[in-house]
Amino acid sequence: MSQRIVKLSTGDVPSPIYLPDATYGVVRSVDSQDLENVGIDALVMNTFHLMLKPGSSTVQSLGGLHQMSGWKKSIVTDSGGFQAYSLIRQNPKFGSLTEKGIIFQPEGSNRKYQLTPEKSIQLQMSFGSNVVICLDDCTHVDEGFAEQQKS
Protein backbone atom coordinates (compact mmCIF):
# COMPACT_ATOMS: atom_id res chain seq x y z
CA MET A 1 0.00 0.00 0.00
CA SER A 2 1.47 3.32 -0.99
CA GLN A 3 1.53 6.12 1.51
CA ARG A 4 -0.11 9.44 0.76
CA ILE A 5 0.46 12.73 2.54
CA VAL A 6 -2.36 15.02 3.69
CA LYS A 7 -1.08 18.59 3.93
CA LEU A 8 -2.66 20.54 6.78
CA SER A 9 -1.87 23.88 8.38
CA THR A 10 -0.51 21.99 11.39
CA GLY A 11 1.82 19.84 9.30
CA ASP A 12 1.92 16.91 6.94
CA VAL A 13 -0.05 13.84 7.99
CA PRO A 14 0.74 10.47 6.39
CA SER A 15 -2.03 8.13 5.33
CA PRO A 16 -2.86 5.53 6.45
CA ILE A 17 -2.33 6.68 10.02
CA TYR A 18 -2.84 5.49 13.59
CA LEU A 19 -4.87 8.08 15.54
CA PRO A 20 -4.63 7.83 19.33
CA ASP A 21 -7.99 8.33 21.04
CA ALA A 22 -8.22 11.68 22.83
CA THR A 23 -12.02 11.54 23.28
CA TYR A 24 -12.21 14.46 25.70
CA GLY A 25 -9.15 16.33 24.38
CA VAL A 26 -6.34 14.31 25.95
CA VAL A 27 -4.88 10.83 25.59
CA ARG A 28 -5.18 9.26 29.02
CA SER A 29 -1.93 8.69 30.91
CA VAL A 30 0.27 10.00 28.07
CA ASP A 31 1.82 13.45 27.87
CA SER A 32 1.55 15.39 24.60
CA GLN A 33 5.34 15.62 24.39
CA ASP A 34 5.63 11.83 24.71
CA LEU A 35 3.15 11.43 21.84
CA GLU A 36 5.24 13.77 19.68
CA ASN A 37 8.45 11.96 20.67
CA VAL A 38 7.10 8.63 19.38
CA GLY A 39 6.05 10.20 16.08
CA ILE A 40 2.31 10.72 16.50
CA ASP A 41 1.13 13.24 13.89
CA ALA A 42 -2.55 13.59 14.82
CA LEU A 43 -5.11 12.82 17.52
CA VAL A 44 -8.80 12.00 17.19
CA MET A 45 -11.30 13.72 19.51
CA ASN A 46 -15.04 13.22 19.82
CA THR A 47 -17.43 16.11 19.11
CA PHE A 48 -20.39 14.50 20.87
CA HIS A 49 -18.49 13.90 24.11
CA LEU A 50 -16.78 17.31 24.01
CA MET A 51 -20.19 18.96 23.46
CA LEU A 52 -21.45 17.30 26.67
CA LYS A 53 -18.30 17.65 28.78
CA PRO A 54 -16.51 20.05 29.10
CA GLY A 55 -19.05 21.73 26.77
CA SER A 56 -18.64 23.75 23.61
CA SER A 57 -18.50 27.11 25.42
CA THR A 58 -15.69 25.84 27.66
CA VAL A 59 -13.68 24.51 24.69
CA GLN A 60 -14.13 27.84 22.91
CA SER A 61 -13.29 29.92 26.01
CA LEU A 62 -10.03 27.97 26.38
CA GLY A 63 -9.04 28.87 22.81
CA GLY A 64 -10.17 25.71 21.03
CA LEU A 65 -8.95 22.14 21.14
CA HIS A 66 -5.29 22.89 20.39
CA GLN A 67 -5.01 25.35 23.28
CA MET A 68 -7.14 23.26 25.63
CA SER A 69 -5.19 20.07 24.98
CA GLY A 70 -1.73 21.54 24.51
CA TRP A 71 -1.48 19.57 21.24
CA LYS A 72 0.25 21.52 18.45
CA LYS A 73 -0.12 18.96 15.68
CA SER A 74 -3.26 17.96 13.79
CA ILE A 75 -6.61 17.16 15.37
CA VAL A 76 -9.29 15.04 13.73
CA THR A 77 -12.75 15.37 15.27
CA ASP A 78 -15.26 12.58 14.88
CA SER A 79 -18.91 13.66 14.80
CA GLY A 80 -19.89 11.40 17.68
CA GLY A 81 -22.85 9.98 15.79
CA PHE A 82 -21.94 6.40 16.66
CA GLN A 83 -21.55 7.20 20.37
CA ALA A 84 -24.94 8.92 20.57
CA TYR A 85 -26.55 6.17 18.49
CA SER A 86 -25.18 3.39 20.69
CA LEU A 87 -26.17 5.11 23.95
CA ILE A 88 -29.72 5.72 22.70
CA ARG A 89 -29.98 2.20 21.25
CA GLN A 90 -28.95 0.72 24.62
CA ASN A 91 -31.40 2.91 26.51
CA PRO A 92 -34.04 4.94 24.60
CA LYS A 93 -34.65 7.16 27.66
CA PHE A 94 -31.44 8.99 26.65
CA GLY A 95 -33.01 10.40 23.51
CA SER A 96 -34.12 9.74 19.98
CA LEU A 97 -32.86 9.60 16.42
CA THR A 98 -34.81 11.66 13.92
CA GLU A 99 -34.54 12.49 10.23
CA LYS A 100 -32.91 15.79 11.25
CA GLY A 101 -30.37 14.40 13.70
CA ILE A 102 -29.99 13.23 17.27
CA ILE A 103 -31.76 14.47 20.39
CA PHE A 104 -29.86 13.39 23.51
CA GLN A 105 -30.54 13.87 27.22
CA PRO A 106 -27.70 12.72 29.49
CA GLU A 107 -28.59 10.66 32.54
CA GLY A 108 -29.34 12.86 35.54
CA SER A 109 -29.76 16.01 33.44
CA ASN A 110 -32.83 17.98 32.44
CA ARG A 111 -30.99 19.48 29.47
CA LYS A 112 -31.53 18.11 25.99
CA TYR A 113 -28.89 18.40 23.29
CA GLN A 114 -29.63 18.34 19.60
CA LEU A 115 -26.91 17.26 17.19
CA THR A 116 -27.71 17.77 13.52
CA PRO A 117 -25.28 17.37 10.62
CA GLU A 118 -24.98 21.17 10.45
CA LYS A 119 -24.45 21.62 14.20
CA SER A 120 -21.84 18.86 14.25
CA ILE A 121 -19.81 20.64 11.55
CA GLN A 122 -20.28 24.05 13.25
CA LEU A 123 -19.05 22.67 16.58
CA GLN A 124 -16.02 21.02 15.00
CA MET A 125 -15.10 24.22 13.18
CA SER A 126 -15.52 26.29 16.36
CA PHE A 127 -13.29 23.79 18.19
CA GLY A 128 -10.51 24.45 15.66
CA SER A 129 -10.40 20.93 14.25
CA ASN A 130 -8.06 20.32 11.32
CA VAL A 131 -10.08 17.42 9.89
CA VAL A 132 -13.86 17.40 10.35
CA ILE A 133 -15.98 14.23 10.11
CA CYS A 134 -19.66 14.58 9.20
CA LEU A 135 -22.45 13.20 11.38
CA ASP A 136 -22.95 9.56 10.49
CA ASP A 137 -26.27 7.73 10.34
CA CYS A 138 -25.53 4.49 12.16
CA THR A 139 -27.65 1.41 11.71
CA HIS A 140 -27.93 -1.82 13.64
CA VAL A 141 -26.79 -5.03 12.00
CA ASP A 142 -30.34 -6.44 12.38
CA GLU A 143 -31.96 -3.62 10.38
CA GLY A 144 -33.17 -4.51 6.91
CA PHE A 145 -31.45 -3.87 3.61
CA ALA A 146 -33.57 -0.80 2.82
CA GLU A 147 -32.61 0.86 6.13
CA GLN A 148 -28.93 -0.01 5.62
CA GLN A 149 -29.00 1.46 2.13
CA LYS A 150 -30.84 4.60 3.31
CA SER A 151 -28.13 5.19 5.92
C-alpha atoms as a PDB file:
ATOM      1  CA  MET A   1       0.000   0.000   0.000  1.00  0.00           C
ATOM      2  CA  SER A   2       1.472   3.316  -0.989  1.00  0.00           C
ATOM      3  CA  GLN A   3       1.534   6.120   1.510  1.00  0.00           C
ATOM      4  CA  ARG A   4      -0.111   9.441   0.757  1.00  0.00           C
ATOM      5  CA  ILE A   5       0.457  12.727   2.544  1.00  0.00           C
ATOM      6  CA  VAL A   6      -2.359  15.018   3.686  1.00  0.00           C
ATOM      7  CA  LYS A   7      -1.075  18.586   3.926  1.00  0.00           C
ATOM      8  CA  LEU A   8      -2.659  20.536   6.779  1.00  0.00           C
ATOM      9  CA  SER A   9      -1.870  23.881   8.379  1.00  0.00           C
ATOM     10  CA  THR A  10      -0.509  21.987  11.393  1.00  0.00           C
ATOM     11  CA  GLY A  11       1.824  19.841   9.300  1.00  0.00           C
ATOM     12  CA  ASP A  12       1.916  16.910   6.936  1.00  0.00           C
ATOM     13  CA  VAL A  13      -0.050  13.835   7.989  1.00  0.00           C
ATOM     14  CA  PRO A  14       0.743  10.471   6.395  1.00  0.00           C
ATOM     15  CA  SER A  15      -2.029   8.130   5.331  1.00  0.00           C
ATOM     16  CA  PRO A  16      -2.856   5.534   6.451  1.00  0.00           C
ATOM     17  CA  ILE A  17      -2.327   6.678  10.025  1.00  0.00           C
ATOM     18  CA  TYR A  18      -2.844   5.493  13.589  1.00  0.00           C
ATOM     19  CA  LEU A  19      -4.869   8.083  15.541  1.00  0.00           C
ATOM     20  CA  PRO A  20      -4.629   7.835  19.330  1.00  0.00           C
ATOM     21  CA  ASP A  21      -7.987   8.334  21.042  1.00  0.00           C
ATOM     22  CA  ALA A  22      -8.224  11.676  22.831  1.00  0.00           C
ATOM     23  CA  THR A  23     -12.016  11.538  23.276  1.00  0.00           C
ATOM     24  CA  TYR A  24     -12.215  14.463  25.698  1.00  0.00           C
ATOM     25  CA  GLY A  25      -9.153  16.328  24.378  1.00  0.00           C
ATOM     26  CA  VAL A  26      -6.336  14.311  25.945  1.00  0.00           C
ATOM     27  CA  VAL A  27      -4.881  10.831  25.591  1.00  0.00           C
ATOM     28  CA  ARG A  28      -5.184   9.265  29.021  1.00  0.00           C
ATOM     29  CA  SER A  29      -1.935   8.694  30.910  1.00  0.00           C
ATOM     30  CA  VAL A  30       0.273   9.998  28.071  1.00  0.00           C
ATOM     31  CA  ASP A  31       1.824  13.451  27.874  1.00  0.00           C
ATOM     32  CA  SER A  32       1.554  15.393  24.595  1.00  0.00           C
ATOM     33  CA  GLN A  33       5.341  15.619  24.388  1.00  0.00           C
ATOM     34  CA  ASP A  34       5.630  11.833  24.705  1.00  0.00           C
ATOM     35  CA  LEU A  35       3.152  11.433  21.838  1.00  0.00           C
ATOM     36  CA  GLU A  36       5.241  13.767  19.684  1.00  0.00           C
ATOM     37  CA  ASN A  37       8.449  11.959  20.674  1.00  0.00           C
ATOM     38  CA  VAL A  38       7.100   8.633  19.382  1.00  0.00           C
ATOM     39  CA  GLY A  39       6.047  10.196  16.084  1.00  0.00           C
ATOM     40  CA  ILE A  40       2.308  10.720  16.504  1.00  0.00           C
ATOM     41  CA  ASP A  41       1.129  13.238  13.888  1.00  0.00           C
ATOM     42  CA  ALA A  42      -2.548  13.591  14.819  1.00  0.00           C
ATOM     43  CA  LEU A  43      -5.107  12.818  17.518  1.00  0.00           C
ATOM     44  CA  VAL A  44      -8.799  11.997  17.194  1.00  0.00           C
ATOM     45  CA  MET A  45     -11.296  13.718  19.514  1.00  0.00           C
ATOM     46  CA  ASN A  46     -15.045  13.221  19.819  1.00  0.00           C
ATOM     47  CA  THR A  47     -17.426  16.113  19.109  1.00  0.00           C
ATOM     48  CA  PHE A  48     -20.392  14.503  20.870  1.00  0.00           C
ATOM     49  CA  HIS A  49     -18.492  13.903  24.110  1.00  0.00           C
ATOM     50  CA  LEU A  50     -16.779  17.314  24.008  1.00  0.00           C
ATOM     51  CA  MET A  51     -20.186  18.957  23.465  1.00  0.00           C
ATOM     52  CA  LEU A  52     -21.450  17.303  26.669  1.00  0.00           C
ATOM     53  CA  LYS A  53     -18.295  17.653  28.776  1.00  0.00           C
ATOM     54  CA  PRO A  54     -16.514  20.049  29.105  1.00  0.00           C
ATOM     55  CA  GLY A  55     -19.053  21.727  26.771  1.00  0.00           C
ATOM     56  CA  SER A  56     -18.641  23.746  23.607  1.00  0.00           C
ATOM     57  CA  SER A  57     -18.500  27.105  25.418  1.00  0.00           C
ATOM     58  CA  THR A  58     -15.686  25.837  27.657  1.00  0.00           C
ATOM     59  CA  VAL A  59     -13.681  24.512  24.693  1.00  0.00           C
ATOM     60  CA  GLN A  60     -14.127  27.841  22.910  1.00  0.00           C
ATOM     61  CA  SER A  61     -13.286  29.920  26.009  1.00  0.00           C
ATOM     62  CA  LEU A  62     -10.034  27.965  26.379  1.00  0.00           C
ATOM     63  CA  GLY A  63      -9.044  28.872  22.814  1.00  0.00           C
ATOM     64  CA  GLY A  64     -10.171  25.712  21.030  1.00  0.00           C
ATOM     65  CA  LEU A  65      -8.949  22.143  21.140  1.00  0.00           C
ATOM     66  CA  HIS A  66      -5.294  22.889  20.391  1.00  0.00           C
ATOM     67  CA  GLN A  67      -5.005  25.354  23.279  1.00  0.00           C
ATOM     68  CA  MET A  68      -7.138  23.264  25.631  1.00  0.00           C
ATOM     69  CA  SER A  69      -5.187  20.071  24.983  1.00  0.00           C
ATOM     70  CA  GLY A  70      -1.728  21.543  24.507  1.00  0.00           C
ATOM     71  CA  TRP A  71      -1.478  19.572  21.239  1.00  0.00           C
ATOM     72  CA  LYS A  72       0.254  21.518  18.453  1.00  0.00           C
ATOM     73  CA  LYS A  73      -0.117  18.956  15.682  1.00  0.00           C
ATOM     74  CA  SER A  74      -3.261  17.960  13.791  1.00  0.00           C
ATOM     75  CA  ILE A  75      -6.607  17.157  15.375  1.00  0.00           C
ATOM     76  CA  VAL A  76      -9.294  15.042  13.733  1.00  0.00           C
ATOM     77  CA  THR A  77     -12.755  15.371  15.271  1.00  0.00           C
ATOM     78  CA  ASP A  78     -15.259  12.583  14.880  1.00  0.00           C
ATOM     79  CA  SER A  79     -18.905  13.664  14.805  1.00  0.00           C
ATOM     80  CA  GLY A  80     -19.889  11.403  17.684  1.00  0.00           C
ATOM     81  CA  GLY A  81     -22.846   9.976  15.786  1.00  0.00           C
ATOM     82  CA  PHE A  82     -21.944   6.403  16.664  1.00  0.00           C
ATOM     83  CA  GLN A  83     -21.551   7.200  20.369  1.00  0.00           C
ATOM     84  CA  ALA A  84     -24.942   8.918  20.566  1.00  0.00           C
ATOM     85  CA  TYR A  85     -26.551   6.167  18.495  1.00  0.00           C
ATOM     86  CA  SER A  86     -25.176   3.385  20.686  1.00  0.00           C
ATOM     87  CA  LEU A  87     -26.173   5.113  23.949  1.00  0.00           C
ATOM     88  CA  ILE A  88     -29.721   5.718  22.698  1.00  0.00           C
ATOM     89  CA  ARG A  89     -29.977   2.199  21.247  1.00  0.00           C
ATOM     90  CA  GLN A  90     -28.948   0.718  24.618  1.00  0.00           C
ATOM     91  CA  ASN A  91     -31.403   2.909  26.505  1.00  0.00           C
ATOM     92  CA  PRO A  92     -34.043   4.941  24.603  1.00  0.00           C
ATOM     93  CA  LYS A  93     -34.651   7.163  27.660  1.00  0.00           C
ATOM     94  CA  PHE A  94     -31.438   8.994  26.653  1.00  0.00           C
ATOM     95  CA  GLY A  95     -33.013  10.399  23.514  1.00  0.00           C
ATOM     96  CA  SER A  96     -34.118   9.743  19.978  1.00  0.00           C
ATOM     97  CA  LEU A  97     -32.862   9.604  16.425  1.00  0.00           C
ATOM     98  CA  THR A  98     -34.809  11.665  13.921  1.00  0.00           C
ATOM     99  CA  GLU A  99     -34.542  12.488  10.229  1.00  0.00           C
ATOM    100  CA  LYS A 100     -32.911  15.789  11.247  1.00  0.00           C
ATOM    101  CA  GLY A 101     -30.366  14.395  13.696  1.00  0.00           C
ATOM    102  CA  ILE A 102     -29.990  13.229  17.269  1.00  0.00           C
ATOM    103  CA  ILE A 103     -31.758  14.473  20.393  1.00  0.00           C
ATOM    104  CA  PHE A 104     -29.864  13.395  23.509  1.00  0.00           C
ATOM    105  CA  GLN A 105     -30.538  13.867  27.216  1.00  0.00           C
ATOM    106  CA  PRO A 106     -27.702  12.717  29.490  1.00  0.00           C
ATOM    107  CA  GLU A 107     -28.585  10.656  32.539  1.00  0.00           C
ATOM    108  CA  GLY A 108     -29.344  12.863  35.539  1.00  0.00           C
ATOM    109  CA  SER A 109     -29.763  16.007  33.439  1.00  0.00           C
ATOM    110  CA  ASN A 110     -32.826  17.985  32.438  1.00  0.00           C
ATOM    111  CA  ARG A 111     -30.987  19.480  29.471  1.00  0.00           C
ATOM    112  CA  LYS A 112     -31.535  18.114  25.985  1.00  0.00           C
ATOM    113  CA  TYR A 113     -28.887  18.397  23.287  1.00  0.00           C
ATOM    114  CA  GLN A 114     -29.632  18.337  19.597  1.00  0.00           C
ATOM    115  CA  LEU A 115     -26.913  17.256  17.195  1.00  0.00           C
ATOM    116  CA  THR A 116     -27.711  17.772  13.525  1.00  0.00           C
ATOM    117  CA  PRO A 117     -25.284  17.373  10.620  1.00  0.00           C
ATOM    118  CA  GLU A 118     -24.978  21.171  10.448  1.00  0.00           C
ATOM    119  CA  LYS A 119     -24.451  21.618  14.197  1.00  0.00           C
ATOM    120  CA  SER A 120     -21.843  18.861  14.246  1.00  0.00           C
ATOM    121  CA  ILE A 121     -19.809  20.638  11.555  1.00  0.00           C
ATOM    122  CA  GLN A 122     -20.281  24.047  13.251  1.00  0.00           C
ATOM    123  CA  LEU A 123     -19.050  22.665  16.577  1.00  0.00           C
ATOM    124  CA  GLN A 124     -16.021  21.022  15.000  1.00  0.00           C
ATOM    125  CA  MET A 125     -15.103  24.221  13.179  1.00  0.00           C
ATOM    126  CA  SER A 126     -15.521  26.286  16.363  1.00  0.00           C
ATOM    127  CA  PHE A 127     -13.286  23.786  18.194  1.00  0.00           C
ATOM    128  CA  GLY A 128     -10.511  24.447  15.659  1.00  0.00           C
ATOM    129  CA  SER A 129     -10.404  20.929  14.251  1.00  0.00           C
ATOM    130  CA  ASN A 130      -8.061  20.323  11.315  1.00  0.00           C
ATOM    131  CA  VAL A 131     -10.077  17.421   9.889  1.00  0.00           C
ATOM    132  CA  VAL A 132     -13.860  17.397  10.347  1.00  0.00           C
ATOM    133  CA  ILE A 133     -15.975  14.228  10.113  1.00  0.00           C
ATOM    134  CA  CYS A 134     -19.657  14.575   9.199  1.00  0.00           C
ATOM    135  CA  LEU A 135     -22.454  13.196  11.379  1.00  0.00           C
ATOM    136  CA  ASP A 136     -22.948   9.556  10.492  1.00  0.00           C
ATOM    137  CA  ASP A 137     -26.267   7.731  10.343  1.00  0.00           C
ATOM    138  CA  CYS A 138     -25.529   4.491  12.159  1.00  0.00           C
ATOM    139  CA  THR A 139     -27.645   1.407  11.712  1.00  0.00           C
ATOM    140  CA  HIS A 140     -27.934  -1.822  13.638  1.00  0.00           C
ATOM    141  CA  VAL A 141     -26.791  -5.031  12.005  1.00  0.00           C
ATOM    142  CA  ASP A 142     -30.342  -6.439  12.379  1.00  0.00           C
ATOM    143  CA  GLU A 143     -31.963  -3.624  10.383  1.00  0.00           C
ATOM    144  CA  GLY A 144     -33.170  -4.509   6.910  1.00  0.00           C
ATOM    145  CA  PHE A 145     -31.452  -3.874   3.611  1.00  0.00           C
ATOM    146  CA  ALA A 146     -33.567  -0.796   2.817  1.00  0.00           C
ATOM    147  CA  GLU A 147     -32.606   0.864   6.126  1.00  0.00           C
ATOM    148  CA  GLN A 148     -28.929  -0.006   5.615  1.00  0.00           C
ATOM    149  CA  GLN A 149     -29.003   1.464   2.129  1.00  0.00           C
ATOM    150  CA  LYS A 150     -30.836   4.598   3.307  1.00  0.00           C
ATOM    151  CA  SER A 151     -28.128   5.190   5.916  1.00  0.00           C
END
